[in-house]
Amino acid sequence: MARPIEFDEAKVLTNAMEQFWKEGFEASSIQKLLDCADINRGTLYNSFGDKETFFKSCVDHYNILIDGQIDDSLKNEALGPWESINRFFELSVLNTTARRRNMGCMLVNALCDSINHNRNLKRVIRSSLANIRKPLTERLKQAQQKGKLKKGVSVEFATEILMNFMHGVRVNSREGKSPDQLKDLISFTIGSLKK
């Protein structure tokens, strides 16, 4: 009788997620993934599938982190619209570990990677970004209804500004900008949309 495979799935996914996060899909060879996840080739293929399927599982694992940040900010009804948006950027950019902040954003990094040549993976990343866009748009609608969105700026355009800013600030964090510099960028950008 075969012995059951023993490994900590959450640890494997976290380690592999960070490998993909740091180096991207293409640069993360199967061997690098096996080494960081501390599993063998058989375990990878039997438990997680091929590299593309494994990457999707790691994106799902990353989305759990993002969902927690969204729940504590954009979906937190105790916070006002702008307070919740500011809180989202604090949680996702400023209140992470220095190591993770310096890695930027797994989703943004994947968009900049050669993943753009793979329609299936591009769809996975776009879906993940849509999960951020939706609650952000809802909060901007609330700001508009309360008369707190800058006059002449539509909810749709404000959403695009903040999504674009999210990509940019994560690249800035990866470049090594300090938390204080990032905080100033966040305050200025959000402030520019307020009425």
N, C-alpha and C. Protein backbone atom coordinates (compact mmCIF):
# COMPACT_ATOMS: atom_id res chain seq x y z
N MET A 1 0.84 -1.18 0.00
CA MET A 1 0.00 0.00 0.00
C MET A 1 0.89 1.25 0.00
N ALA A 2 0.55 2.21 -0.90
CA ALA A 2 1.35 3.44 -1.00
C ALA A 2 1.16 4.31 0.23
N ARG A 3 2.25 4.90 0.65
CA ARG A 3 2.20 5.81 1.79
C ARG A 3 1.59 7.14 1.36
N PRO A 4 0.67 7.71 2.16
CA PRO A 4 0.09 9.00 1.77
C PRO A 4 1.15 10.10 1.76
N ILE A 5 0.96 11.01 0.83
CA ILE A 5 1.88 12.14 0.71
C ILE A 5 1.67 13.07 1.90
N GLU A 6 2.76 13.43 2.55
CA GLU A 6 2.65 14.31 3.71
C GLU A 6 3.37 15.63 3.42
N PHE A 7 2.61 16.71 3.42
CA PHE A 7 3.18 18.04 3.29
C PHE A 7 2.14 19.04 3.76
N ASP A 8 2.59 20.22 4.09
CA ASP A 8 1.72 21.29 4.54
C ASP A 8 1.33 22.11 3.30
N GLU A 9 0.11 21.91 2.83
CA GLU A 9 -0.33 22.54 1.58
C GLU A 9 -0.24 24.07 1.64
N ALA A 10 -0.65 24.65 2.76
CA ALA A 10 -0.60 26.12 2.88
C ALA A 10 0.84 26.62 2.79
N LYS A 11 1.76 25.90 3.41
CA LYS A 11 3.18 26.30 3.38
C LYS A 11 3.74 26.16 1.97
N VAL A 12 3.41 25.07 1.31
CA VAL A 12 3.87 24.86 -0.08
C VAL A 12 3.36 25.99 -0.97
N LEU A 13 2.07 26.31 -0.85
CA LEU A 13 1.49 27.37 -1.69
C LEU A 13 2.08 28.74 -1.35
N THR A 14 2.30 29.01 -0.08
CA THR A 14 2.90 30.29 0.31
C THR A 14 4.31 30.43 -0.25
N ASN A 15 5.12 29.40 -0.12
CA ASN A 15 6.49 29.45 -0.62
C ASN A 15 6.54 29.56 -2.14
N ALA A 16 5.69 28.78 -2.82
CA ALA A 16 5.66 28.84 -4.29
C ALA A 16 5.09 30.19 -4.75
N MET A 17 4.07 30.67 -4.04
CA MET A 17 3.48 31.97 -4.37
C MET A 17 4.57 33.05 -4.31
N GLU A 18 5.40 33.02 -3.27
CA GLU A 18 6.45 34.03 -3.14
C GLU A 18 7.51 33.88 -4.22
N GLN A 19 7.75 32.66 -4.66
CA GLN A 19 8.70 32.46 -5.77
C GLN A 19 8.14 33.09 -7.05
N PHE A 20 6.88 32.78 -7.38
CA PHE A 20 6.26 33.39 -8.56
C PHE A 20 6.19 34.91 -8.41
N TRP A 21 5.89 35.36 -7.20
CA TRP A 21 5.76 36.78 -6.89
C TRP A 21 7.08 37.52 -7.15
N LYS A 22 8.19 36.93 -6.70
CA LYS A 22 9.51 37.57 -6.85
C LYS A 22 10.02 37.53 -8.29
N GLU A 23 9.90 36.36 -8.93
CA GLU A 23 10.58 36.18 -10.22
C GLU A 23 9.65 36.03 -11.41
N GLY A 24 8.37 35.89 -11.17
CA GLY A 24 7.44 35.75 -12.28
C GLY A 24 7.26 34.32 -12.74
N PHE A 25 6.34 34.12 -13.64
CA PHE A 25 5.99 32.78 -14.11
C PHE A 25 7.14 32.15 -14.90
N GLU A 26 7.65 32.86 -15.90
CA GLU A 26 8.68 32.29 -16.77
C GLU A 26 9.96 31.98 -16.02
N ALA A 27 10.43 32.90 -15.19
CA ALA A 27 11.71 32.73 -14.50
C ALA A 27 11.64 31.70 -13.37
N SER A 28 10.44 31.38 -12.93
CA SER A 28 10.28 30.39 -11.86
C SER A 28 10.26 28.99 -12.47
N SER A 29 11.43 28.41 -12.58
CA SER A 29 11.54 27.07 -13.16
C SER A 29 10.91 26.05 -12.22
N ILE A 30 10.61 24.90 -12.75
CA ILE A 30 10.07 23.81 -11.93
C ILE A 30 11.03 23.52 -10.78
N GLN A 31 12.35 23.51 -11.07
CA GLN A 31 13.32 23.20 -10.02
C GLN A 31 13.29 24.25 -8.91
N LYS A 32 13.19 25.52 -9.28
CA LYS A 32 13.11 26.58 -8.26
C LYS A 32 11.85 26.40 -7.41
N LEU A 33 10.75 26.04 -8.04
CA LEU A 33 9.50 25.83 -7.32
C LEU A 33 9.60 24.64 -6.37
N LEU A 34 10.23 23.55 -6.84
CA LEU A 34 10.42 22.37 -5.98
C LEU A 34 11.31 22.71 -4.79
N ASP A 35 12.37 23.47 -5.05
CA ASP A 35 13.31 23.82 -3.98
C ASP A 35 12.64 24.71 -2.93
N CYS A 36 11.93 25.73 -3.37
CA CYS A 36 11.35 26.66 -2.38
C CYS A 36 10.18 26.02 -1.64
N ALA A 37 9.43 25.15 -2.32
CA ALA A 37 8.27 24.52 -1.69
C ALA A 37 8.64 23.27 -0.91
N ASP A 38 9.88 22.80 -1.09
CA ASP A 38 10.38 21.62 -0.40
C ASP A 38 9.51 20.40 -0.67
N ILE A 39 9.20 20.21 -1.95
CA ILE A 39 8.46 19.02 -2.39
C ILE A 39 9.22 18.41 -3.57
N ASN A 40 8.85 17.17 -3.92
CA ASN A 40 9.49 16.56 -5.08
C ASN A 40 8.59 16.69 -6.31
N ARG A 41 9.13 16.35 -7.45
CA ARG A 41 8.43 16.51 -8.73
C ARG A 41 7.11 15.72 -8.74
N GLY A 42 7.13 14.52 -8.20
CA GLY A 42 5.92 13.70 -8.16
C GLY A 42 4.81 14.35 -7.35
N THR A 43 5.18 14.91 -6.20
CA THR A 43 4.20 15.59 -5.35
C THR A 43 3.62 16.80 -6.07
N LEU A 44 4.49 17.55 -6.75
CA LEU A 44 4.01 18.73 -7.48
C LEU A 44 2.95 18.32 -8.51
N TYR A 45 3.29 17.37 -9.37
CA TYR A 45 2.37 17.00 -10.44
C TYR A 45 1.14 16.26 -9.93
N ASN A 46 1.31 15.40 -8.92
CA ASN A 46 0.17 14.65 -8.39
C ASN A 46 -0.78 15.51 -7.56
N SER A 47 -0.23 16.48 -6.85
CA SER A 47 -1.05 17.28 -5.93
C SER A 47 -1.48 18.62 -6.50
N PHE A 48 -0.66 19.18 -7.40
CA PHE A 48 -0.94 20.53 -7.89
C PHE A 48 -1.06 20.64 -9.41
N GLY A 49 -0.69 19.59 -10.12
CA GLY A 49 -0.78 19.64 -11.57
C GLY A 49 0.48 20.22 -12.20
N ASP A 50 0.35 20.69 -13.44
CA ASP A 50 1.50 21.26 -14.15
C ASP A 50 1.81 22.66 -13.63
N LYS A 51 2.83 23.28 -14.19
CA LYS A 51 3.29 24.58 -13.71
C LYS A 51 2.19 25.64 -13.82
N GLU A 52 1.46 25.64 -14.91
CA GLU A 52 0.40 26.63 -15.10
C GLU A 52 -0.71 26.46 -14.06
N THR A 53 -1.09 25.23 -13.80
CA THR A 53 -2.12 24.95 -12.79
C THR A 53 -1.62 25.33 -11.40
N PHE A 54 -0.35 25.06 -11.13
CA PHE A 54 0.26 25.41 -9.85
C PHE A 54 0.26 26.93 -9.67
N PHE A 55 0.59 27.64 -10.76
CA PHE A 55 0.58 29.11 -10.72
C PHE A 55 -0.82 29.62 -10.38
N LYS A 56 -1.83 29.05 -11.00
CA LYS A 56 -3.22 29.46 -10.72
C LYS A 56 -3.56 29.23 -9.25
N SER A 57 -3.11 28.11 -8.70
CA SER A 57 -3.35 27.83 -7.27
C SER A 57 -2.65 28.87 -6.40
N CYS A 58 -1.45 29.27 -6.82
CA CYS A 58 -0.71 30.29 -6.06
C CYS A 58 -1.38 31.66 -6.16
N VAL A 59 -1.96 31.98 -7.32
CA VAL A 59 -2.71 33.23 -7.46
C VAL A 59 -3.95 33.19 -6.55
N ASP A 60 -4.62 32.04 -6.51
CA ASP A 60 -5.77 31.89 -5.60
C ASP A 60 -5.33 32.11 -4.15
N HIS A 61 -4.18 31.58 -3.81
CA HIS A 61 -3.63 31.75 -2.46
C HIS A 61 -3.33 33.23 -2.19
N TYR A 62 -2.78 33.92 -3.17
CA TYR A 62 -2.50 35.36 -3.06
C TYR A 62 -3.82 36.13 -2.90
N ASN A 63 -4.84 35.70 -3.63
CA ASN A 63 -6.14 36.37 -3.55
C ASN A 63 -6.75 36.30 -2.16
N ILE A 64 -6.43 35.26 -1.42
CA ILE A 64 -6.92 35.14 -0.04
C ILE A 64 -6.34 36.30 0.80
N LEU A 65 -5.07 36.63 0.56
CA LEU A 65 -4.45 37.78 1.25
C LEU A 65 -5.17 39.07 0.88
N ILE A 66 -5.39 39.26 -0.42
CA ILE A 66 -6.04 40.48 -0.91
C ILE A 66 -7.48 40.56 -0.39
N ASP A 67 -8.19 39.42 -0.40
CA ASP A 67 -9.58 39.41 0.08
C ASP A 67 -9.66 39.84 1.54
N GLY A 68 -8.69 39.42 2.35
CA GLY A 68 -8.65 39.83 3.75
C GLY A 68 -8.46 41.34 3.88
N GLN A 69 -7.59 41.89 3.04
CA GLN A 69 -7.37 43.34 3.05
C GLN A 69 -8.64 44.09 2.60
N ILE A 70 -9.32 43.54 1.60
CA ILE A 70 -10.56 44.17 1.11
C ILE A 70 -11.64 44.11 2.18
N ASP A 71 -11.76 42.97 2.85
CA ASP A 71 -12.76 42.83 3.92
C ASP A 71 -12.52 43.82 5.04
N ASP A 72 -11.25 44.07 5.36
CA ASP A 72 -10.91 44.99 6.45
C ASP A 72 -10.93 46.45 6.04
N SER A 73 -11.16 46.71 4.76
CA SER A 73 -11.13 48.11 4.31
C SER A 73 -12.34 48.43 3.44
N LEU A 74 -12.30 48.08 2.19
CA LEU A 74 -13.36 48.46 1.25
C LEU A 74 -14.72 47.89 1.60
N LYS A 75 -14.75 46.72 2.20
CA LYS A 75 -16.03 46.10 2.57
C LYS A 75 -16.39 46.33 4.04
N ASN A 76 -15.59 47.13 4.73
CA ASN A 76 -15.84 47.42 6.14
C ASN A 76 -16.84 48.59 6.22
N GLU A 77 -18.08 48.28 6.52
CA GLU A 77 -19.14 49.28 6.53
C GLU A 77 -18.99 50.30 7.66
N ALA A 78 -18.13 50.03 8.62
CA ALA A 78 -17.89 51.00 9.70
C ALA A 78 -17.05 52.17 9.21
N LEU A 79 -16.42 52.01 8.05
CA LEU A 79 -15.57 53.06 7.50
C LEU A 79 -16.32 53.84 6.42
N GLY A 80 -16.09 55.13 6.36
CA GLY A 80 -16.63 55.95 5.29
C GLY A 80 -15.94 55.61 3.98
N PRO A 81 -16.46 56.10 2.84
CA PRO A 81 -15.89 55.73 1.54
C PRO A 81 -14.39 56.05 1.41
N TRP A 82 -14.01 57.29 1.70
CA TRP A 82 -12.60 57.64 1.53
C TRP A 82 -11.73 56.99 2.59
N GLU A 83 -12.26 56.85 3.78
CA GLU A 83 -11.53 56.19 4.86
C GLU A 83 -11.24 54.74 4.47
N SER A 84 -12.22 54.08 3.85
CA SER A 84 -12.05 52.68 3.46
C SER A 84 -11.04 52.54 2.33
N ILE A 85 -11.06 53.49 1.39
CA ILE A 85 -10.11 53.45 0.27
C ILE A 85 -8.69 53.69 0.79
N ASN A 86 -8.54 54.66 1.65
CA ASN A 86 -7.23 54.93 2.25
C ASN A 86 -6.74 53.71 3.04
N ARG A 87 -7.65 53.08 3.77
CA ARG A 87 -7.30 51.90 4.57
C ARG A 87 -6.84 50.75 3.68
N PHE A 88 -7.49 50.59 2.51
CA PHE A 88 -7.09 49.53 1.58
C PHE A 88 -5.64 49.72 1.15
N PHE A 89 -5.28 50.96 0.79
CA PHE A 89 -3.90 51.20 0.37
C PHE A 89 -2.92 51.04 1.54
N GLU A 90 -3.34 51.42 2.72
CA GLU A 90 -2.48 51.21 3.90
C GLU A 90 -2.21 49.72 4.09
N LEU A 91 -3.28 48.92 4.05
CA LEU A 91 -3.13 47.49 4.29
C LEU A 91 -2.35 46.79 3.18
N SER A 92 -2.62 47.15 1.95
CA SER A 92 -2.01 46.43 0.84
C SER A 92 -0.61 46.90 0.48
N VAL A 93 -0.27 48.13 0.87
CA VAL A 93 1.05 48.65 0.52
C VAL A 93 1.91 48.93 1.74
N LEU A 94 1.36 49.67 2.70
CA LEU A 94 2.19 50.14 3.82
C LEU A 94 2.34 49.13 4.95
N ASN A 95 1.28 48.40 5.26
CA ASN A 95 1.29 47.53 6.44
C ASN A 95 1.72 46.10 6.15
N THR A 96 2.46 45.91 5.07
CA THR A 96 2.99 44.58 4.77
C THR A 96 4.44 44.53 5.26
N THR A 97 5.01 43.36 5.27
CA THR A 97 6.42 43.26 5.67
C THR A 97 7.28 43.96 4.63
N ALA A 98 8.44 44.43 5.05
CA ALA A 98 9.36 45.11 4.12
C ALA A 98 9.71 44.19 2.96
N ARG A 99 9.90 42.92 3.25
CA ARG A 99 10.27 41.96 2.18
C ARG A 99 9.17 41.87 1.15
N ARG A 100 7.93 41.73 1.60
CA ARG A 100 6.82 41.64 0.65
C ARG A 100 6.56 42.97 -0.05
N ARG A 101 6.72 44.06 0.67
CA ARG A 101 6.54 45.38 0.05
C ARG A 101 7.55 45.54 -1.09
N ASN A 102 8.78 45.07 -0.86
CA ASN A 102 9.83 45.17 -1.87
C ASN A 102 9.61 44.23 -3.06
N MET A 103 8.70 43.28 -2.91
CA MET A 103 8.38 42.40 -4.03
C MET A 103 7.28 43.00 -4.90
N GLY A 104 6.66 44.10 -4.46
CA GLY A 104 5.59 44.72 -5.23
C GLY A 104 4.29 43.96 -5.06
N CYS A 105 3.59 43.74 -6.14
CA CYS A 105 2.30 43.04 -6.14
C CYS A 105 2.40 41.86 -7.10
N MET A 106 2.02 40.70 -6.67
CA MET A 106 2.10 39.52 -7.52
C MET A 106 1.29 39.71 -8.81
N LEU A 107 0.11 40.35 -8.70
CA LEU A 107 -0.75 40.53 -9.87
C LEU A 107 -0.13 41.51 -10.86
N VAL A 108 0.38 42.62 -10.34
CA VAL A 108 1.02 43.62 -11.20
C VAL A 108 2.28 43.04 -11.83
N ASN A 109 3.07 42.33 -11.02
CA ASN A 109 4.28 41.70 -11.56
C ASN A 109 3.93 40.73 -12.68
N ALA A 110 2.86 39.97 -12.49
CA ALA A 110 2.45 39.00 -13.51
C ALA A 110 2.02 39.71 -14.79
N LEU A 111 1.36 40.86 -14.66
CA LEU A 111 0.98 41.62 -15.85
C LEU A 111 2.20 42.09 -16.63
N CYS A 112 3.26 42.39 -15.92
CA CYS A 112 4.49 42.88 -16.56
C CYS A 112 5.35 41.73 -17.08
N ASP A 113 5.04 40.53 -16.69
CA ASP A 113 5.78 39.34 -17.08
C ASP A 113 5.30 38.90 -18.46
N SER A 114 5.93 37.89 -19.00
CA SER A 114 5.53 37.38 -20.31
C SER A 114 4.19 36.65 -20.25
N ILE A 115 3.53 36.72 -19.09
CA ILE A 115 2.21 36.12 -18.93
C ILE A 115 1.23 36.67 -19.95
N ASN A 116 1.52 37.87 -20.46
CA ASN A 116 0.64 38.49 -21.45
C ASN A 116 0.51 37.66 -22.72
N HIS A 117 1.44 36.74 -22.93
CA HIS A 117 1.38 35.87 -24.11
C HIS A 117 0.55 34.61 -23.84
N ASN A 118 0.09 34.44 -22.62
CA ASN A 118 -0.69 33.26 -22.25
C ASN A 118 -2.10 33.72 -21.88
N ARG A 119 -3.05 33.48 -22.76
CA ARG A 119 -4.42 33.98 -22.55
C ARG A 119 -5.06 33.44 -21.28
N ASN A 120 -4.82 32.18 -20.97
CA ASN A 120 -5.43 31.59 -19.77
C ASN A 120 -4.93 32.25 -18.50
N LEU A 121 -3.62 32.46 -18.42
CA LEU A 121 -3.06 33.08 -17.23
C LEU A 121 -3.43 34.56 -17.16
N LYS A 122 -3.48 35.21 -18.30
CA LYS A 122 -3.88 36.62 -18.33
C LYS A 122 -5.31 36.76 -17.81
N ARG A 123 -6.17 35.83 -18.18
CA ARG A 123 -7.56 35.84 -17.71
C ARG A 123 -7.62 35.68 -16.19
N VAL A 124 -6.79 34.82 -15.64
CA VAL A 124 -6.73 34.60 -14.18
C VAL A 124 -6.35 35.90 -13.47
N ILE A 125 -5.34 36.58 -14.00
CA ILE A 125 -4.87 37.83 -13.38
C ILE A 125 -5.93 38.92 -13.50
N ARG A 126 -6.54 39.04 -14.66
CA ARG A 126 -7.58 40.06 -14.85
C ARG A 126 -8.77 39.82 -13.92
N SER A 127 -9.12 38.56 -13.72
CA SER A 127 -10.21 38.23 -12.80
C SER A 127 -9.86 38.65 -11.38
N SER A 128 -8.62 38.43 -10.99
CA SER A 128 -8.17 38.83 -9.65
C SER A 128 -8.23 40.33 -9.49
N LEU A 129 -7.80 41.06 -10.50
CA LEU A 129 -7.84 42.52 -10.44
C LEU A 129 -9.28 43.03 -10.42
N ALA A 130 -10.18 42.33 -11.10
CA ALA A 130 -11.60 42.71 -11.08
C ALA A 130 -12.18 42.58 -9.68
N ASN A 131 -11.65 41.64 -8.90
CA ASN A 131 -12.11 41.47 -7.51
C ASN A 131 -11.71 42.64 -6.62
N ILE A 132 -10.72 43.40 -7.05
CA ILE A 132 -10.33 44.63 -6.34
C ILE A 132 -11.16 45.79 -6.88
N ARG A 133 -11.29 45.83 -8.19
CA ARG A 133 -11.98 46.93 -8.87
C ARG A 133 -13.43 47.08 -8.40
N LYS A 134 -14.13 45.97 -8.24
CA LYS A 134 -15.56 46.03 -7.91
C LYS A 134 -15.84 46.75 -6.58
N PRO A 135 -15.22 46.33 -5.46
CA PRO A 135 -15.51 47.03 -4.20
C PRO A 135 -14.96 48.47 -4.18
N LEU A 136 -13.90 48.71 -4.93
CA LEU A 136 -13.36 50.06 -5.05
C LEU A 136 -14.39 50.96 -5.75
N THR A 137 -14.98 50.46 -6.82
CA THR A 137 -16.02 51.21 -7.54
C THR A 137 -17.22 51.48 -6.64
N GLU A 138 -17.61 50.47 -5.85
CA GLU A 138 -18.75 50.66 -4.95
C GLU A 138 -18.49 51.77 -3.95
N ARG A 139 -17.29 51.83 -3.42
CA ARG A 139 -16.96 52.88 -2.46
C ARG A 139 -16.92 54.25 -3.11
N LEU A 140 -16.46 54.31 -4.35
CA LEU A 140 -16.44 55.58 -5.07
C LEU A 140 -17.86 56.04 -5.40
N LYS A 141 -18.76 55.09 -5.65
CA LYS A 141 -20.17 55.45 -5.86
C LYS A 141 -20.75 56.07 -4.58
N GLN A 142 -20.39 55.49 -3.45
CA GLN A 142 -20.84 56.05 -2.17
C GLN A 142 -20.31 57.47 -1.98
N ALA A 143 -19.04 57.67 -2.32
CA ALA A 143 -18.45 59.01 -2.19
C ALA A 143 -19.19 60.00 -3.07
N GLN A 144 -19.51 59.57 -4.28
CA GLN A 144 -20.25 60.44 -5.20
C GLN A 144 -21.64 60.77 -4.66
N GLN A 145 -22.35 59.74 -4.16
CA GLN A 145 -23.70 59.95 -3.62
C GLN A 145 -23.69 60.91 -2.43
N LYS A 146 -22.62 60.92 -1.67
CA LYS A 146 -22.50 61.81 -0.51
C LYS A 146 -21.92 63.17 -0.89
N GLY A 147 -21.69 63.38 -2.20
CA GLY A 147 -21.14 64.64 -2.65
C GLY A 147 -19.67 64.82 -2.29
N LYS A 148 -18.95 63.71 -2.14
CA LYS A 148 -17.55 63.78 -1.70
C LYS A 148 -16.56 63.36 -2.78
N LEU A 149 -17.04 63.22 -4.02
CA LEU A 149 -16.15 62.94 -5.14
C LEU A 149 -15.97 64.24 -5.92
N LYS A 150 -14.76 64.53 -6.27
CA LYS A 150 -14.43 65.79 -6.96
C LYS A 150 -15.37 66.02 -8.14
N LYS A 151 -15.86 67.22 -8.25
CA LYS A 151 -16.80 67.58 -9.31
C LYS A 151 -16.14 67.37 -10.68
N GLY A 152 -16.91 66.80 -11.60
CA GLY A 152 -16.42 66.56 -12.95
C GLY A 152 -15.67 65.24 -13.12
N VAL A 153 -15.48 64.50 -12.02
CA VAL A 153 -14.78 63.20 -12.09
C VAL A 153 -15.83 62.11 -11.93
N SER A 154 -15.96 61.25 -12.93
CA SER A 154 -16.94 60.17 -12.85
C SER A 154 -16.40 59.04 -11.97
N VAL A 155 -17.30 58.22 -11.48
CA VAL A 155 -16.92 57.06 -10.67
C VAL A 155 -16.00 56.15 -11.49
N GLU A 156 -16.34 55.94 -12.75
CA GLU A 156 -15.56 55.06 -13.62
C GLU A 156 -14.13 55.58 -13.79
N PHE A 157 -14.02 56.90 -14.01
CA PHE A 157 -12.69 57.48 -14.20
C PHE A 157 -11.89 57.45 -12.89
N ALA A 158 -12.55 57.73 -11.78
CA ALA A 158 -11.88 57.67 -10.48
C ALA A 158 -11.39 56.25 -10.20
N THR A 159 -12.19 55.26 -10.57
CA THR A 159 -11.78 53.86 -10.40
C THR A 159 -10.52 53.59 -11.22
N GLU A 160 -10.52 54.04 -12.47
CA GLU A 160 -9.34 53.84 -13.33
C GLU A 160 -8.11 54.52 -12.75
N ILE A 161 -8.29 55.73 -12.23
CA ILE A 161 -7.16 56.45 -11.62
C ILE A 161 -6.59 55.64 -10.46
N LEU A 162 -7.47 55.14 -9.58
CA LEU A 162 -6.99 54.42 -8.40
C LEU A 162 -6.41 53.04 -8.75
N MET A 163 -6.99 52.37 -9.75
CA MET A 163 -6.41 51.09 -10.18
C MET A 163 -5.03 51.33 -10.81
N ASN A 164 -4.93 52.35 -11.63
CA ASN A 164 -3.65 52.69 -12.24
C ASN A 164 -2.64 53.08 -11.16
N PHE A 165 -3.11 53.84 -10.19
CA PHE A 165 -2.24 54.24 -9.08
C PHE A 165 -1.79 53.01 -8.29
N MET A 166 -2.70 52.06 -8.07
CA MET A 166 -2.34 50.85 -7.34
C MET A 166 -1.19 50.14 -8.05
N HIS A 167 -1.29 50.03 -9.38
CA HIS A 167 -0.20 49.39 -10.14
C HIS A 167 1.10 50.17 -9.93
N GLY A 168 1.01 51.49 -10.08
CA GLY A 168 2.20 52.33 -9.98
C GLY A 168 2.83 52.34 -8.60
N VAL A 169 2.01 52.43 -7.57
CA VAL A 169 2.57 52.49 -6.22
C VAL A 169 3.22 51.15 -5.84
N ARG A 170 2.69 50.05 -6.38
CA ARG A 170 3.31 48.75 -6.11
C ARG A 170 4.65 48.62 -6.83
N VAL A 171 4.75 49.20 -8.03
CA VAL A 171 6.04 49.22 -8.72
C VAL A 171 7.02 50.10 -7.95
N ASN A 172 6.53 51.24 -7.44
CA ASN A 172 7.38 52.12 -6.62
C ASN A 172 7.85 51.41 -5.35
N SER A 173 6.97 50.61 -4.76
CA SER A 173 7.38 49.89 -3.55
C SER A 173 8.44 48.84 -3.90
N ARG A 174 8.29 48.22 -5.06
CA ARG A 174 9.28 47.24 -5.50
C ARG A 174 10.62 47.91 -5.80
N GLU A 175 10.54 49.13 -6.29
CA GLU A 175 11.75 49.90 -6.60
C GLU A 175 12.51 50.29 -5.33
N GLY A 176 11.82 50.26 -4.17
CA GLY A 176 12.51 50.54 -2.92
C GLY A 176 12.13 51.85 -2.26
N LYS A 177 11.04 52.48 -2.73
CA LYS A 177 10.60 53.71 -2.07
C LYS A 177 10.23 53.38 -0.63
N SER A 178 10.52 54.32 0.27
CA SER A 178 10.26 54.11 1.69
C SER A 178 8.76 54.17 1.98
N PRO A 179 8.32 53.58 3.10
CA PRO A 179 6.91 53.67 3.48
C PRO A 179 6.42 55.12 3.56
N ASP A 180 7.27 56.04 4.05
CA ASP A 180 6.86 57.44 4.13
C ASP A 180 6.62 58.03 2.75
N GLN A 181 7.49 57.71 1.80
CA GLN A 181 7.31 58.20 0.43
C GLN A 181 6.02 57.63 -0.17
N LEU A 182 5.80 56.34 0.06
CA LEU A 182 4.59 55.70 -0.47
C LEU A 182 3.34 56.30 0.17
N LYS A 183 3.42 56.57 1.47
CA LYS A 183 2.28 57.15 2.19
C LYS A 183 1.94 58.52 1.61
N ASP A 184 2.96 59.32 1.30
CA ASP A 184 2.73 60.64 0.70
C ASP A 184 2.06 60.51 -0.66
N LEU A 185 2.50 59.54 -1.46
CA LEU A 185 1.89 59.31 -2.77
C LEU A 185 0.43 58.90 -2.64
N ILE A 186 0.16 58.03 -1.67
CA ILE A 186 -1.21 57.57 -1.43
C ILE A 186 -2.09 58.75 -1.00
N SER A 187 -1.63 59.52 -0.05
CA SER A 187 -2.42 60.67 0.45
C SER A 187 -2.70 61.67 -0.65
N PHE A 188 -1.69 61.98 -1.46
CA PHE A 188 -1.86 62.97 -2.52
C PHE A 188 -2.86 62.47 -3.57
N THR A 189 -2.70 61.21 -3.99
CA THR A 189 -3.57 60.68 -5.05
C THR A 189 -5.02 60.60 -4.58
N ILE A 190 -5.24 60.05 -3.41
CA ILE A 190 -6.62 59.97 -2.89
C ILE A 190 -7.16 61.37 -2.67
N GLY A 191 -6.35 62.26 -2.11
CA GLY A 191 -6.78 63.64 -1.88
C GLY A 191 -7.18 64.37 -3.14
N SER A 192 -6.53 64.03 -4.26
CA SER A 192 -6.83 64.71 -5.52
C SER A 192 -8.20 64.36 -6.08
N LEU A 193 -8.81 63.30 -5.56
CA LEU A 193 -10.13 62.88 -6.03
C LEU A 193 -11.26 63.31 -5.09
N LYS A 194 -10.90 63.78 -3.91
CA LYS A 194 -11.91 64.18 -2.93
C LYS A 194 -12.45 65.57 -3.22
N LYS A 195 -13.70 65.74 -2.83
CA LYS A 195 -14.29 67.08 -2.91
C LYS A 195 -14.22 67.74 -1.55
